[in-house]
Every structure is written in structure tokens, then in C-alpha cells.
N, C-alpha and C. Protein backbone atom coordinates (compact mmCIF):
# COMPACT_ATOMS: atom_id res chain seq x y z
N MET A 1 -2.90 4.28 11.20
CA MET A 1 -4.06 3.52 10.79
C MET A 1 -3.58 2.38 9.89
N ASN A 2 -4.12 1.18 10.09
CA ASN A 2 -3.74 0.07 9.22
C ASN A 2 -4.77 -0.10 8.10
N VAL A 3 -4.53 -1.05 7.22
CA VAL A 3 -5.37 -1.26 6.05
C VAL A 3 -6.81 -1.59 6.43
N ARG A 4 -6.99 -2.46 7.39
CA ARG A 4 -8.34 -2.86 7.78
C ARG A 4 -9.14 -1.65 8.28
N GLN A 5 -8.52 -0.79 9.05
CA GLN A 5 -9.21 0.41 9.53
C GLN A 5 -9.55 1.34 8.37
N ALA A 6 -8.65 1.46 7.40
CA ALA A 6 -8.90 2.33 6.25
C ALA A 6 -10.08 1.83 5.42
N LEU A 7 -10.22 0.52 5.29
CA LEU A 7 -11.35 -0.02 4.53
C LEU A 7 -12.68 0.28 5.22
N ARG A 8 -12.68 0.35 6.55
CA ARG A 8 -13.90 0.66 7.30
C ARG A 8 -14.17 2.15 7.37
N SER A 9 -13.15 2.97 7.29
CA SER A 9 -13.28 4.42 7.44
C SER A 9 -12.62 5.12 6.26
N PRO A 10 -13.28 5.17 5.10
CA PRO A 10 -12.65 5.68 3.89
C PRO A 10 -12.42 7.19 3.87
N SER A 11 -12.91 7.93 4.86
CA SER A 11 -12.83 9.39 4.78
C SER A 11 -11.47 9.97 5.17
N ASN A 12 -10.69 9.28 6.01
CA ASN A 12 -9.44 9.86 6.47
C ASN A 12 -8.42 8.78 6.77
N PHE A 13 -7.50 8.54 5.84
CA PHE A 13 -6.46 7.55 6.10
C PHE A 13 -5.23 7.84 5.25
N ASN A 14 -4.13 7.26 5.66
CA ASN A 14 -2.86 7.34 4.95
C ASN A 14 -2.17 6.01 5.14
N ILE A 15 -2.07 5.20 4.09
CA ILE A 15 -1.55 3.84 4.15
C ILE A 15 -0.25 3.76 3.36
N ARG A 16 0.71 3.00 3.87
CA ARG A 16 1.94 2.75 3.12
C ARG A 16 2.25 1.26 3.19
N LEU A 17 2.41 0.65 2.03
CA LEU A 17 2.80 -0.75 1.92
C LEU A 17 4.19 -0.81 1.33
N GLU A 18 5.01 -1.73 1.82
CA GLU A 18 6.37 -1.87 1.29
C GLU A 18 6.62 -3.30 0.87
N TYR A 19 7.49 -3.46 -0.12
CA TYR A 19 7.81 -4.77 -0.67
C TYR A 19 9.31 -4.89 -0.83
N SER A 20 9.90 -5.89 -0.20
CA SER A 20 11.35 -6.06 -0.28
C SER A 20 11.75 -6.91 -1.48
N GLY A 21 10.83 -7.68 -2.04
CA GLY A 21 11.13 -8.50 -3.20
C GLY A 21 11.87 -9.78 -2.87
N LYS A 22 12.06 -10.07 -1.60
CA LYS A 22 12.77 -11.29 -1.21
C LYS A 22 11.83 -12.48 -1.38
N ASN A 23 12.32 -13.52 -1.98
CA ASN A 23 11.54 -14.75 -2.07
C ASN A 23 12.48 -15.94 -2.05
N TYR A 24 11.93 -17.13 -1.91
CA TYR A 24 12.76 -18.31 -1.79
C TYR A 24 13.33 -18.78 -3.12
N GLU A 25 12.70 -18.40 -4.23
CA GLU A 25 13.18 -18.84 -5.53
C GLU A 25 14.39 -18.05 -5.99
N ASN A 26 14.42 -16.76 -5.71
CA ASN A 26 15.51 -15.92 -6.16
C ASN A 26 15.82 -14.89 -5.07
N VAL A 27 16.69 -15.24 -4.16
CA VAL A 27 16.99 -14.38 -3.02
C VAL A 27 17.67 -13.08 -3.45
N SER A 28 18.37 -13.10 -4.57
CA SER A 28 19.06 -11.89 -5.02
C SER A 28 18.11 -10.85 -5.62
N ASN A 29 16.88 -11.22 -5.89
CA ASN A 29 15.90 -10.30 -6.46
C ASN A 29 15.30 -9.45 -5.35
N ARG A 30 15.77 -8.23 -5.22
CA ARG A 30 15.26 -7.33 -4.18
C ARG A 30 14.69 -6.08 -4.85
N SER A 31 13.41 -5.97 -4.84
CA SER A 31 12.74 -4.88 -5.53
C SER A 31 12.74 -3.59 -4.72
N ASN A 32 12.50 -3.68 -3.42
CA ASN A 32 12.46 -2.52 -2.54
C ASN A 32 11.54 -1.43 -3.08
N LYS A 33 10.25 -1.76 -3.17
CA LYS A 33 9.25 -0.84 -3.70
C LYS A 33 8.28 -0.43 -2.58
N PHE A 34 7.56 0.66 -2.83
CA PHE A 34 6.49 1.06 -1.92
C PHE A 34 5.25 1.40 -2.73
N TRP A 35 4.12 1.33 -2.06
CA TRP A 35 2.82 1.71 -2.63
C TRP A 35 2.08 2.40 -1.50
N ALA A 36 1.75 3.67 -1.67
CA ALA A 36 1.10 4.44 -0.61
C ALA A 36 -0.21 5.01 -1.13
N CYS A 37 -1.17 5.16 -0.22
CA CYS A 37 -2.48 5.67 -0.59
C CYS A 37 -2.99 6.59 0.51
N ARG A 38 -3.45 7.78 0.12
CA ARG A 38 -3.95 8.76 1.08
C ARG A 38 -5.33 9.22 0.62
N SER A 39 -6.29 9.25 1.56
CA SER A 39 -7.63 9.72 1.20
C SER A 39 -7.61 11.23 1.04
N ASN A 40 -8.44 11.72 0.13
CA ASN A 40 -8.56 13.16 -0.10
C ASN A 40 -9.82 13.72 0.56
N GLY A 41 -10.63 12.86 1.17
CA GLY A 41 -11.83 13.30 1.87
C GLY A 41 -13.01 13.59 0.97
N ASP A 42 -12.88 13.35 -0.33
CA ASP A 42 -13.98 13.62 -1.26
C ASP A 42 -14.34 12.40 -2.10
N GLY A 43 -14.00 11.21 -1.60
CA GLY A 43 -14.29 9.99 -2.34
C GLY A 43 -13.18 9.58 -3.28
N THR A 44 -12.09 10.33 -3.27
CA THR A 44 -10.93 9.98 -4.09
C THR A 44 -9.73 9.72 -3.19
N VAL A 45 -8.73 9.07 -3.76
CA VAL A 45 -7.48 8.80 -3.04
C VAL A 45 -6.31 9.21 -3.93
N THR A 46 -5.22 9.61 -3.30
CA THR A 46 -3.98 9.87 -4.03
C THR A 46 -3.08 8.67 -3.81
N VAL A 47 -2.72 8.01 -4.90
CA VAL A 47 -1.88 6.82 -4.85
C VAL A 47 -0.48 7.20 -5.31
N THR A 48 0.52 6.79 -4.53
CA THR A 48 1.91 7.05 -4.87
C THR A 48 2.67 5.74 -4.83
N TRP A 49 3.52 5.48 -5.83
CA TRP A 49 4.28 4.23 -5.86
C TRP A 49 5.65 4.51 -6.45
N GLY A 50 6.58 3.58 -6.14
CA GLY A 50 7.92 3.71 -6.71
C GLY A 50 8.93 2.93 -5.90
N ARG A 51 10.19 3.19 -6.17
CA ARG A 51 11.29 2.56 -5.44
C ARG A 51 11.45 3.26 -4.09
N MET A 52 11.85 2.48 -3.09
CA MET A 52 12.11 3.06 -1.77
C MET A 52 13.18 4.13 -1.92
N ARG A 53 13.13 5.13 -1.08
CA ARG A 53 14.05 6.27 -1.08
C ARG A 53 13.93 7.11 -2.35
N SER A 54 12.77 7.02 -3.02
CA SER A 54 12.51 7.90 -4.15
C SER A 54 11.21 8.65 -3.89
N GLU A 55 10.98 9.70 -4.65
CA GLU A 55 9.75 10.48 -4.50
C GLU A 55 8.54 9.70 -5.00
N GLY A 56 8.73 8.86 -6.00
CA GLY A 56 7.64 8.06 -6.56
C GLY A 56 6.79 8.83 -7.54
N THR A 57 5.77 8.16 -8.04
CA THR A 57 4.81 8.72 -8.99
C THR A 57 3.44 8.73 -8.33
N SER A 58 2.67 9.80 -8.51
CA SER A 58 1.36 9.92 -7.88
C SER A 58 0.26 10.09 -8.91
N ILE A 59 -0.94 9.63 -8.53
CA ILE A 59 -2.13 9.78 -9.37
C ILE A 59 -3.36 9.78 -8.45
N VAL A 60 -4.41 10.48 -8.86
CA VAL A 60 -5.67 10.53 -8.10
C VAL A 60 -6.63 9.52 -8.71
N LYS A 61 -7.24 8.69 -7.86
CA LYS A 61 -8.17 7.64 -8.29
C LYS A 61 -9.39 7.64 -7.38
N PRO A 62 -10.50 7.00 -7.79
CA PRO A 62 -11.65 6.85 -6.90
C PRO A 62 -11.34 5.86 -5.77
N PHE A 63 -12.08 5.96 -4.67
CA PHE A 63 -11.84 5.09 -3.51
C PHE A 63 -11.94 3.62 -3.88
N SER A 64 -12.80 3.26 -4.82
CA SER A 64 -12.95 1.86 -5.23
C SER A 64 -11.63 1.28 -5.75
N TYR A 65 -10.78 2.12 -6.31
CA TYR A 65 -9.46 1.68 -6.77
C TYR A 65 -8.63 1.19 -5.59
N PHE A 66 -8.68 1.92 -4.47
CA PHE A 66 -7.95 1.53 -3.27
C PHE A 66 -8.40 0.16 -2.78
N VAL A 67 -9.71 -0.05 -2.72
CA VAL A 67 -10.27 -1.32 -2.24
C VAL A 67 -9.75 -2.48 -3.09
N LYS A 68 -9.72 -2.30 -4.39
CA LYS A 68 -9.26 -3.36 -5.30
C LYS A 68 -7.75 -3.56 -5.19
N LYS A 69 -6.99 -2.49 -5.27
CA LYS A 69 -5.54 -2.58 -5.35
C LYS A 69 -4.87 -3.02 -4.05
N VAL A 70 -5.42 -2.62 -2.91
CA VAL A 70 -4.75 -2.96 -1.65
C VAL A 70 -4.73 -4.47 -1.45
N SER A 71 -5.79 -5.17 -1.82
CA SER A 71 -5.78 -6.63 -1.67
C SER A 71 -4.79 -7.27 -2.65
N GLU A 72 -4.69 -6.72 -3.87
CA GLU A 72 -3.71 -7.21 -4.84
C GLU A 72 -2.29 -7.05 -4.30
N LYS A 73 -2.00 -5.90 -3.73
CA LYS A 73 -0.65 -5.63 -3.22
C LYS A 73 -0.31 -6.55 -2.05
N LEU A 74 -1.26 -6.75 -1.14
CA LEU A 74 -1.01 -7.64 0.01
C LEU A 74 -0.79 -9.07 -0.46
N ASN A 75 -1.53 -9.51 -1.48
CA ASN A 75 -1.36 -10.85 -2.02
C ASN A 75 -0.01 -11.02 -2.73
N LYS A 76 0.55 -9.94 -3.27
CA LYS A 76 1.84 -9.99 -3.94
C LYS A 76 3.01 -10.02 -2.96
N GLY A 77 2.74 -9.74 -1.68
CA GLY A 77 3.82 -9.77 -0.69
C GLY A 77 4.16 -8.43 -0.09
N TYR A 78 3.42 -7.39 -0.45
CA TYR A 78 3.64 -6.10 0.20
C TYR A 78 3.21 -6.21 1.66
N VAL A 79 3.84 -5.43 2.52
CA VAL A 79 3.56 -5.46 3.95
C VAL A 79 3.07 -4.09 4.38
N ASP A 80 2.01 -4.07 5.17
CA ASP A 80 1.46 -2.85 5.73
C ASP A 80 2.46 -2.36 6.79
N THR A 81 3.10 -1.22 6.55
CA THR A 81 4.13 -0.76 7.48
C THR A 81 3.54 -0.30 8.82
N ALA A 82 2.25 0.01 8.86
CA ALA A 82 1.62 0.34 10.14
C ALA A 82 1.36 -0.93 10.94
N ASN A 83 1.24 -2.06 10.26
CA ASN A 83 0.95 -3.34 10.90
C ASN A 83 1.72 -4.42 10.14
N PRO A 84 3.04 -4.50 10.30
CA PRO A 84 3.87 -5.39 9.47
C PRO A 84 3.62 -6.87 9.64
N TYR A 85 2.86 -7.26 10.66
CA TYR A 85 2.63 -8.69 10.89
C TYR A 85 1.29 -9.16 10.36
N GLY A 86 0.59 -8.34 9.61
CA GLY A 86 -0.70 -8.72 9.05
C GLY A 86 -1.84 -8.01 9.76
N PHE A 87 -3.06 -8.37 9.43
CA PHE A 87 -4.22 -7.69 9.99
C PHE A 87 -4.37 -7.90 11.49
N ALA A 88 -4.17 -9.12 11.96
CA ALA A 88 -4.39 -9.41 13.38
C ALA A 88 -3.09 -9.22 14.15
N ARG A 89 -3.18 -8.49 15.25
CA ARG A 89 -1.99 -8.29 16.10
C ARG A 89 -2.14 -9.03 17.38
């Protein structure tokens, strides 16, 4: 499921966004982070974030947190790993 589908169907989703940290100003800056969100089916989501190849840190938040944060992450350069080319395929 991609981000757009999760926003329409908040009851059952598992999203993972990844960020390589590559940019034109500083090519050597490679963050390699992830941000993942899974619905709990009760109006809350479990959010996990951290460095790639790590277990990360998790916290439970209301669904409204997902709606706000996912757009922030996409604007920062994170890529939806289910749909790495953006919303439209």
C-alpha cells in the first residue's frame, strides 16, 4: 500500500519512507534514515524511525499525527518505498 492509499483507508496500512540524504549542495551528506508507520486498527498508529539497518525507535500516536507527518517527510525528500517515483505511477 502506498501513502495515498493509506490516507484514504486509515484502518489497515503499513508505510515505510526512506531518505538517503543526498542533495546537490553537499553530496557527502548521506543520512540513510527511515520513517515507518503502521496502523493499529483503533485510530492510532505505531511510528518507527531511525537509521537504516537499525531497529529504530517506536512510539504510538493518533492517526492525525500520520496525516501531518507524512507530508512533512515527503517534502523533506523521503521516498515512499512502496511507490518510489511519487504518488502517480
